[in-house]
Amino acid sequence: MDKKEDKLNFEEAMKELENIVQQLEKGELNLDDSMKKFEEGVNLSKKCSKYLENAEKKISILVRQEDGTVSEENFN
């Protein structure tokens, strides 16, 4: 992953990944360029997955107990 990809937030990485997919679907790139874009896309996909994993770890659910109190549970 290059330095540009390292600095992308989730939304920017997804947008760049969508752009790569569109370029590959057009079929206008030569084989070498297609392979480079594919590798870039795989790296961006891994980066997005990592963002989502980290976000999921932070999510918790507020649960109202029978006595009216509220407790916090991890989201599974």
PDB file of N, CA and C in Angstrom:
ATOM      1  N   MET A   1       0.856  -1.174   0.000  1.00  0.00           N
ATOM      2  CA  MET A   1       0.000   0.000   0.000  1.00  0.00           C
ATOM      3  C   MET A   1       0.895   1.227   0.000  1.00  0.00           C
ATOM      4  N   ASP A   2       0.590   2.174  -0.858  1.00  0.00           N
ATOM      5  CA  ASP A   2       1.427   3.372  -0.916  1.00  0.00           C
ATOM      6  C   ASP A   2       0.995   4.385   0.132  1.00  0.00           C
ATOM      7  N   LYS A   3       1.791   5.437   0.265  1.00  0.00           N
ATOM      8  CA  LYS A   3       1.533   6.441   1.305  1.00  0.00           C
ATOM      9  C   LYS A   3       0.186   7.121   1.117  1.00  0.00           C
ATOM     10  N   LYS A   4      -0.239   7.312  -0.137  1.00  0.00           N
ATOM     11  CA  LYS A   4      -1.533   7.936  -0.414  1.00  0.00           C
ATOM     12  C   LYS A   4      -2.654   7.082   0.172  1.00  0.00           C
ATOM     13  N   GLU A   5      -2.587   5.762  -0.018  1.00  0.00           N
ATOM     14  CA  GLU A   5      -3.614   4.862   0.496  1.00  0.00           C
ATOM     15  C   GLU A   5      -3.616   4.825   2.019  1.00  0.00           C
ATOM     16  N   ASP A   6      -2.442   4.956   2.640  1.00  0.00           N
ATOM     17  CA  ASP A   6      -2.345   4.936   4.100  1.00  0.00           C
ATOM     18  C   ASP A   6      -3.123   6.076   4.735  1.00  0.00           C
ATOM     19  N   LYS A   7      -3.226   7.211   4.065  1.00  0.00           N
ATOM     20  CA  LYS A   7      -3.845   8.406   4.629  1.00  0.00           C
ATOM     21  C   LYS A   7      -5.348   8.487   4.392  1.00  0.00           C
ATOM     22  N   LEU A   8      -5.909   7.573   3.612  1.00  0.00           N
ATOM     23  CA  LEU A   8      -7.326   7.632   3.281  1.00  0.00           C
ATOM     24  C   LEU A   8      -8.188   7.210   4.465  1.00  0.00           C
ATOM     25  N   ASN A   9      -9.309   7.928   4.658  1.00  0.00           N
ATOM     26  CA  ASN A   9     -10.280   7.459   5.642  1.00  0.00           C
ATOM     27  C   ASN A   9     -11.179   6.430   4.949  1.00  0.00           C
ATOM     28  N   PHE A  10     -12.131   5.874   5.675  1.00  0.00           N
ATOM     29  CA  PHE A  10     -12.969   4.809   5.122  1.00  0.00           C
ATOM     30  C   PHE A  10     -13.709   5.243   3.858  1.00  0.00           C
ATOM     31  N   GLU A  11     -14.346   6.410   3.924  1.00  0.00           N
ATOM     32  CA  GLU A  11     -15.140   6.873   2.788  1.00  0.00           C
ATOM     33  C   GLU A  11     -14.269   7.119   1.555  1.00  0.00           C
ATOM     34  N   GLU A  12     -13.102   7.697   1.766  1.00  0.00           N
ATOM     35  CA  GLU A  12     -12.187   7.955   0.645  1.00  0.00           C
ATOM     36  C   GLU A  12     -11.678   6.647   0.054  1.00  0.00           C
ATOM     37  N   ALA A  13     -11.371   5.690   0.916  1.00  0.00           N
ATOM     38  CA  ALA A  13     -10.890   4.390   0.437  1.00  0.00           C
ATOM     39  C   ALA A  13     -11.973   3.675  -0.361  1.00  0.00           C
ATOM     40  N   MET A  14     -13.215   3.739   0.109  1.00  0.00           N
ATOM     41  CA  MET A  14     -14.320   3.107  -0.627  1.00  0.00           C
ATOM     42  C   MET A  14     -14.529   3.767  -1.984  1.00  0.00           C
ATOM     43  N   LYS A  15     -14.461   5.090  -2.018  1.00  0.00           N
ATOM     44  CA  LYS A  15     -14.635   5.807  -3.271  1.00  0.00           C
ATOM     45  C   LYS A  15     -13.532   5.431  -4.259  1.00  0.00           C
ATOM     46  N   GLU A  16     -12.302   5.343  -3.776  1.00  0.00           N
ATOM     47  CA  GLU A  16     -11.178   4.960  -4.632  1.00  0.00           C
ATOM     48  C   GLU A  16     -11.345   3.519  -5.111  1.00  0.00           C
ATOM     49  N   LEU A  17     -11.812   2.646  -4.240  1.00  0.00           N
ATOM     50  CA  LEU A  17     -12.052   1.257  -4.620  1.00  0.00           C
ATOM     51  C   LEU A  17     -13.132   1.164  -5.696  1.00  0.00           C
ATOM     52  N   GLU A  18     -14.192   1.922  -5.545  1.00  0.00           N
ATOM     53  CA  GLU A  18     -15.257   1.954  -6.556  1.00  0.00           C
ATOM     54  C   GLU A  18     -14.717   2.454  -7.894  1.00  0.00           C
ATOM     55  N   ASN A  19     -13.851   3.447  -7.848  1.00  0.00           N
ATOM     56  CA  ASN A  19     -13.239   3.978  -9.062  1.00  0.00           C
ATOM     57  C   ASN A  19     -12.405   2.897  -9.766  1.00  0.00           C
ATOM     58  N   ILE A  20     -11.638   2.151  -8.997  1.00  0.00           N
ATOM     59  CA  ILE A  20     -10.816   1.082  -9.564  1.00  0.00           C
ATOM     60  C   ILE A  20     -11.697   0.015 -10.205  1.00  0.00           C
ATOM     61  N   VAL A  21     -12.772  -0.363  -9.520  1.00  0.00           N
ATOM     62  CA  VAL A  21     -13.684  -1.371 -10.062  1.00  0.00           C
ATOM     63  C   VAL A  21     -14.255  -0.899 -11.400  1.00  0.00           C
ATOM     64  N   GLN A  22     -14.655   0.361 -11.476  1.00  0.00           N
ATOM     65  CA  GLN A  22     -15.189   0.900 -12.726  1.00  0.00           C
ATOM     66  C   GLN A  22     -14.150   0.846 -13.845  1.00  0.00           C
ATOM     67  N   GLN A  23     -12.911   1.201 -13.522  1.00  0.00           N
ATOM     68  CA  GLN A  23     -11.851   1.161 -14.527  1.00  0.00           C
ATOM     69  C   GLN A  23     -11.621  -0.261 -15.026  1.00  0.00           C
ATOM     70  N   LEU A  24     -11.609  -1.208 -14.106  1.00  0.00           N
ATOM     71  CA  LEU A  24     -11.397  -2.603 -14.491  1.00  0.00           C
ATOM     72  C   LEU A  24     -12.573  -3.153 -15.295  1.00  0.00           C
ATOM     73  N   GLU A  25     -13.790  -2.757 -14.940  1.00  0.00           N
ATOM     74  CA  GLU A  25     -14.970  -3.242 -15.650  1.00  0.00           C
ATOM     75  C   GLU A  25     -15.040  -2.721 -17.081  1.00  0.00           C
ATOM     76  N   LYS A  26     -14.497  -1.541 -17.318  1.00  0.00           N
ATOM     77  CA  LYS A  26     -14.490  -0.986 -18.678  1.00  0.00           C
ATOM     78  C   LYS A  26     -13.649  -1.839 -19.621  1.00  0.00           C
ATOM     79  N   GLY A  27     -12.605  -2.473 -19.082  1.00  0.00           N
ATOM     80  CA  GLY A  27     -11.761  -3.336 -19.896  1.00  0.00           C
ATOM     81  C   GLY A  27     -10.845  -2.600 -20.844  1.00  0.00           C
ATOM     82  N   GLU A  28     -10.580  -1.330 -20.577  1.00  0.00           N
ATOM     83  CA  GLU A  28      -9.755  -0.520 -21.472  1.00  0.00           C
ATOM     84  C   GLU A  28      -8.278  -0.498 -21.068  1.00  0.00           C
ATOM     85  N   LEU A  29      -7.941  -1.050 -19.906  1.00  0.00           N
ATOM     86  CA  LEU A  29      -6.557  -1.039 -19.438  1.00  0.00           C
ATOM     87  C   LEU A  29      -5.804  -2.238 -20.015  1.00  0.00           C
ATOM     88  N   ASN A  30      -4.494  -2.048 -20.231  1.00  0.00           N
ATOM     89  CA  ASN A  30      -3.694  -3.190 -20.665  1.00  0.00           C
ATOM     90  C   ASN A  30      -3.487  -4.118 -19.467  1.00  0.00           C
ATOM     91  N   LEU A  31      -2.898  -5.277 -19.709  1.00  0.00           N
ATOM     92  CA  LEU A  31      -2.764  -6.286 -18.673  1.00  0.00           C
ATOM     93  C   LEU A  31      -1.954  -5.789 -17.478  1.00  0.00           C
ATOM     94  N   ASP A  32      -0.825  -5.142 -17.734  1.00  0.00           N
ATOM     95  CA  ASP A  32       0.006  -4.649 -16.630  1.00  0.00           C
ATOM     96  C   ASP A  32      -0.736  -3.633 -15.770  1.00  0.00           C
ATOM     97  N   ASP A  33      -1.397  -2.680 -16.415  1.00  0.00           N
ATOM     98  CA  ASP A  33      -2.152  -1.668 -15.671  1.00  0.00           C
ATOM     99  C   ASP A  33      -3.324  -2.301 -14.915  1.00  0.00           C
ATOM    100  N   SER A  34      -3.961  -3.283 -15.548  1.00  0.00           N
ATOM    101  CA  SER A  34      -5.064  -3.987 -14.884  1.00  0.00           C
ATOM    102  C   SER A  34      -4.578  -4.698 -13.628  1.00  0.00           C
ATOM    103  N   MET A  35      -3.421  -5.341 -13.717  1.00  0.00           N
ATOM    104  CA  MET A  35      -2.863  -6.042 -12.560  1.00  0.00           C
ATOM    105  C   MET A  35      -2.515  -5.064 -11.436  1.00  0.00           C
ATOM    106  N   LYS A  36      -1.953  -3.915 -11.799  1.00  0.00           N
ATOM    107  CA  LYS A  36      -1.610  -2.904 -10.798  1.00  0.00           C
ATOM    108  C   LYS A  36      -2.875  -2.396 -10.107  1.00  0.00           C
ATOM    109  N   LYS A  37      -3.909  -2.110 -10.900  1.00  0.00           N
ATOM    110  CA  LYS A  37      -5.175  -1.630 -10.333  1.00  0.00           C
ATOM    111  C   LYS A  37      -5.816  -2.691  -9.455  1.00  0.00           C
ATOM    112  N   PHE A  38      -5.724  -3.949  -9.904  1.00  0.00           N
ATOM    113  CA  PHE A  38      -6.290  -5.041  -9.119  1.00  0.00           C
ATOM    114  C   PHE A  38      -5.595  -5.130  -7.766  1.00  0.00           C
ATOM    115  N   GLU A  39      -4.262  -5.078  -7.749  1.00  0.00           N
ATOM    116  CA  GLU A  39      -3.507  -5.127  -6.497  1.00  0.00           C
ATOM    117  C   GLU A  39      -3.851  -3.938  -5.602  1.00  0.00           C
ATOM    118  N   GLU A  40      -3.979  -2.776  -6.203  1.00  0.00           N
ATOM    119  CA  GLU A  40      -4.361  -1.576  -5.449  1.00  0.00           C
ATOM    120  C   GLU A  40      -5.746  -1.766  -4.840  1.00  0.00           C
ATOM    121  N   GLY A  41      -6.646  -2.348  -5.615  1.00  0.00           N
ATOM    122  CA  GLY A  41      -7.999  -2.608  -5.128  1.00  0.00           C
ATOM    123  C   GLY A  41      -8.030  -3.589  -3.975  1.00  0.00           C
ATOM    124  N   VAL A  42      -7.212  -4.633  -4.065  1.00  0.00           N
ATOM    125  CA  VAL A  42      -7.138  -5.616  -2.976  1.00  0.00           C
ATOM    126  C   VAL A  42      -6.649  -4.945  -1.697  1.00  0.00           C
ATOM    127  N   ASN A  43      -5.628  -4.106  -1.823  1.00  0.00           N
ATOM    128  CA  ASN A  43      -5.109  -3.397  -0.652  1.00  0.00           C
ATOM    129  C   ASN A  43      -6.156  -2.465  -0.050  1.00  0.00           C
ATOM    130  N   LEU A  44      -6.893  -1.762  -0.912  1.00  0.00           N
ATOM    131  CA  LEU A  44      -7.947  -0.870  -0.414  1.00  0.00           C
ATOM    132  C   LEU A  44      -9.058  -1.667   0.255  1.00  0.00           C
ATOM    133  N   SER A  45      -9.386  -2.817  -0.318  1.00  0.00           N
ATOM    134  CA  SER A  45     -10.411  -3.674   0.262  1.00  0.00           C
ATOM    135  C   SER A  45     -10.006  -4.130   1.657  1.00  0.00           C
ATOM    136  N   LYS A  46      -8.742  -4.505   1.828  1.00  0.00           N
ATOM    137  CA  LYS A  46      -8.241  -4.911   3.141  1.00  0.00           C
ATOM    138  C   LYS A  46      -8.308  -3.751   4.120  1.00  0.00           C
ATOM    139  N   LYS A  47      -7.957  -2.555   3.643  1.00  0.00           N
ATOM    140  CA  LYS A  47      -7.998  -1.361   4.493  1.00  0.00           C
ATOM    141  C   LYS A  47      -9.431  -1.084   4.953  1.00  0.00           C
ATOM    142  N   CYS A  48     -10.394  -1.186   4.039  1.00  0.00           N
ATOM    143  CA  CYS A  48     -11.794  -0.957   4.385  1.00  0.00           C
ATOM    144  C   CYS A  48     -12.285  -2.010   5.379  1.00  0.00           C
ATOM    145  N   SER A  49     -11.893  -3.254   5.182  1.00  0.00           N
ATOM    146  CA  SER A  49     -12.284  -4.313   6.110  1.00  0.00           C
ATOM    147  C   SER A  49     -11.740  -4.045   7.502  1.00  0.00           C
ATOM    148  N   LYS A  50     -10.519  -3.565   7.560  1.00  0.00           N
ATOM    149  CA  LYS A  50      -9.898  -3.241   8.850  1.00  0.00           C
ATOM    150  C   LYS A  50     -10.678  -2.124   9.545  1.00  0.00           C
ATOM    151  N   TYR A  51     -11.043  -1.087   8.775  1.00  0.00           N
ATOM    152  CA  TYR A  51     -11.854   0.000   9.339  1.00  0.00           C
ATOM    153  C   TYR A  51     -13.150  -0.551   9.929  1.00  0.00           C
ATOM    154  N   LEU A  52     -13.822  -1.428   9.176  1.00  0.00           N
ATOM    155  CA  LEU A  52     -15.095  -1.976   9.631  1.00  0.00           C
ATOM    156  C   LEU A  52     -14.922  -2.856  10.864  1.00  0.00           C
ATOM    157  N   GLU A  53     -13.855  -3.659  10.903  1.00  0.00           N
ATOM    158  CA  GLU A  53     -13.585  -4.486  12.076  1.00  0.00           C
ATOM    159  C   GLU A  53     -13.379  -3.617  13.309  1.00  0.00           C
ATOM    160  N   ASN A  54     -12.609  -2.549  13.158  1.00  0.00           N
ATOM    161  CA  ASN A  54     -12.353  -1.649  14.288  1.00  0.00           C
ATOM    162  C   ASN A  54     -13.626  -0.959  14.743  1.00  0.00           C
ATOM    163  N   ALA A  55     -14.462  -0.559  13.792  1.00  0.00           N
ATOM    164  CA  ALA A  55     -15.729   0.094  14.140  1.00  0.00           C
ATOM    165  C   ALA A  55     -16.644  -0.875  14.871  1.00  0.00           C
ATOM    166  N   GLU A  56     -16.685  -2.114  14.408  1.00  0.00           N
ATOM    167  CA  GLU A  56     -17.547  -3.116  15.043  1.00  0.00           C
ATOM    168  C   GLU A  56     -17.125  -3.365  16.488  1.00  0.00           C
ATOM    169  N   LYS A  57     -15.834  -3.330  16.750  1.00  0.00           N
ATOM    170  CA  LYS A  57     -15.341  -3.529  18.110  1.00  0.00           C
ATOM    171  C   LYS A  57     -15.795  -2.415  19.040  1.00  0.00           C
ATOM    172  N   LYS A  58     -16.069  -1.246  18.501  1.00  0.00           N
ATOM    173  CA  LYS A  58     -16.449  -0.092  19.313  1.00  0.00           C
ATOM    174  C   LYS A  58     -17.952  -0.001  19.553  1.00  0.00           C
ATOM    175  N   ILE A  59     -18.721  -0.729  18.786  1.00  0.00           N
ATOM    176  CA  ILE A  59     -20.181  -0.628  18.883  1.00  0.00           C
ATOM    177  C   ILE A  59     -20.676  -1.362  20.116  1.00  0.00           C
ATOM    178  N   SER A  60     -21.542  -0.711  20.854  1.00  0.00           N
ATOM    179  CA  SER A  60     -22.184  -1.354  22.001  1.00  0.00           C
ATOM    180  C   SER A  60     -23.676  -1.057  21.942  1.00  0.00           C
ATOM    181  N   ILE A  61     -24.417  -1.846  22.661  1.00  0.00           N
ATOM    182  CA  ILE A  61     -25.877  -1.724  22.660  1.00  0.00           C
ATOM    183  C   ILE A  61     -26.328  -1.324  24.062  1.00  0.00           C
ATOM    184  N   LEU A  62     -27.231  -0.372  24.113  1.00  0.00           N
ATOM    185  CA  LEU A  62     -27.848  -0.005  25.391  1.00  0.00           C
ATOM    186  C   LEU A  62     -29.099  -0.861  25.556  1.00  0.00           C
ATOM    187  N   VAL A  63     -29.183  -1.554  26.699  1.00  0.00           N
ATOM    188  CA  VAL A  63     -30.292  -2.454  26.956  1.00  0.00           C
ATOM    189  C   VAL A  63     -31.022  -1.983  28.211  1.00  0.00           C
ATOM    190  N   ARG A  64     -32.342  -1.824  28.080  1.00  0.00           N
ATOM    191  CA  ARG A  64     -33.148  -1.421  29.241  1.00  0.00           C
ATOM    192  C   ARG A  64     -33.516  -2.685  30.021  1.00  0.00           C
ATOM    193  N   GLN A  65     -33.191  -2.663  31.303  1.00  0.00           N
ATOM    194  CA  GLN A  65     -33.490  -3.791  32.185  1.00  0.00           C
ATOM    195  C   GLN A  65     -34.944  -3.701  32.662  1.00  0.00           C
ATOM    196  N   GLU A  66     -35.449  -4.772  33.238  1.00  0.00           N
ATOM    197  CA  GLU A  66     -36.831  -4.808  33.732  1.00  0.00           C
ATOM    198  C   GLU A  66     -37.092  -3.756  34.805  1.00  0.00           C
ATOM    199  N   ASP A  67     -36.059  -3.429  35.588  1.00  0.00           N
ATOM    200  CA  ASP A  67     -36.237  -2.445  36.659  1.00  0.00           C
ATOM    201  C   ASP A  67     -36.117  -1.005  36.149  1.00  0.00           C
ATOM    202  N   GLY A  68     -35.971  -0.845  34.828  1.00  0.00           N
ATOM    203  CA  GLY A  68     -35.903   0.487  34.236  1.00  0.00           C
ATOM    204  C   GLY A  68     -34.497   1.035  34.060  1.00  0.00           C
ATOM    205  N   THR A  69     -33.530   0.376  34.614  1.00  0.00           N
ATOM    206  CA  THR A  69     -32.147   0.839  34.439  1.00  0.00           C
ATOM    207  C   THR A  69     -31.645   0.451  33.045  1.00  0.00           C
ATOM    208  N   VAL A  70     -30.609   1.127  32.639  1.00  0.00           N
ATOM    209  CA  VAL A  70     -30.033   0.865  31.326  1.00  0.00           C
ATOM    210  C   VAL A  70     -28.619   0.351  31.512  1.00  0.00           C
ATOM    211  N   SER A  71     -28.311  -0.721  30.815  1.00  0.00           N
ATOM    212  CA  SER A  71     -26.942  -1.262  30.862  1.00  0.00           C
ATOM    213  C   SER A  71     -26.371  -1.300  29.449  1.00  0.00           C
ATOM    214  N   GLU A  72     -25.084  -1.390  29.374  1.00  0.00           N
ATOM    215  CA  GLU A  72     -24.391  -1.400  28.093  1.00  0.00           C
ATOM    216  C   GLU A  72     -23.812  -2.786  27.859  1.00  0.00           C
ATOM    217  N   GLU A  73     -24.059  -3.336  26.653  1.00  0.00           N
ATOM    218  CA  GLU A  73     -23.516  -4.626  26.270  1.00  0.00           C
ATOM    219  C   GLU A  73     -22.756  -4.485  24.963  1.00  0.00           C
ATOM    220  N   ASN A  74     -21.768  -5.327  24.774  1.00  0.00           N
ATOM    221  CA  ASN A  74     -21.033  -5.336  23.509  1.00  0.00           C
ATOM    222  C   ASN A  74     -21.914  -5.888  22.404  1.00  0.00           C
ATOM    223  N   PHE A  75     -21.761  -5.357  21.221  1.00  0.00           N
ATOM    224  CA  PHE A  75     -22.476  -5.819  20.049  1.00  0.00           C
ATOM    225  C   PHE A  75     -21.768  -7.041  19.491  1.00  0.00           C
ATOM    226  N   ASN A  76     -22.477  -8.115  19.291  1.00  0.00           N
ATOM    227  CA  ASN A  76     -21.885  -9.340  18.727  1.00  0.00           C
ATOM    228  C   ASN A  76     -22.517  -9.679  17.421  1.00  0.00           C
TER     229      ASN A  76
END
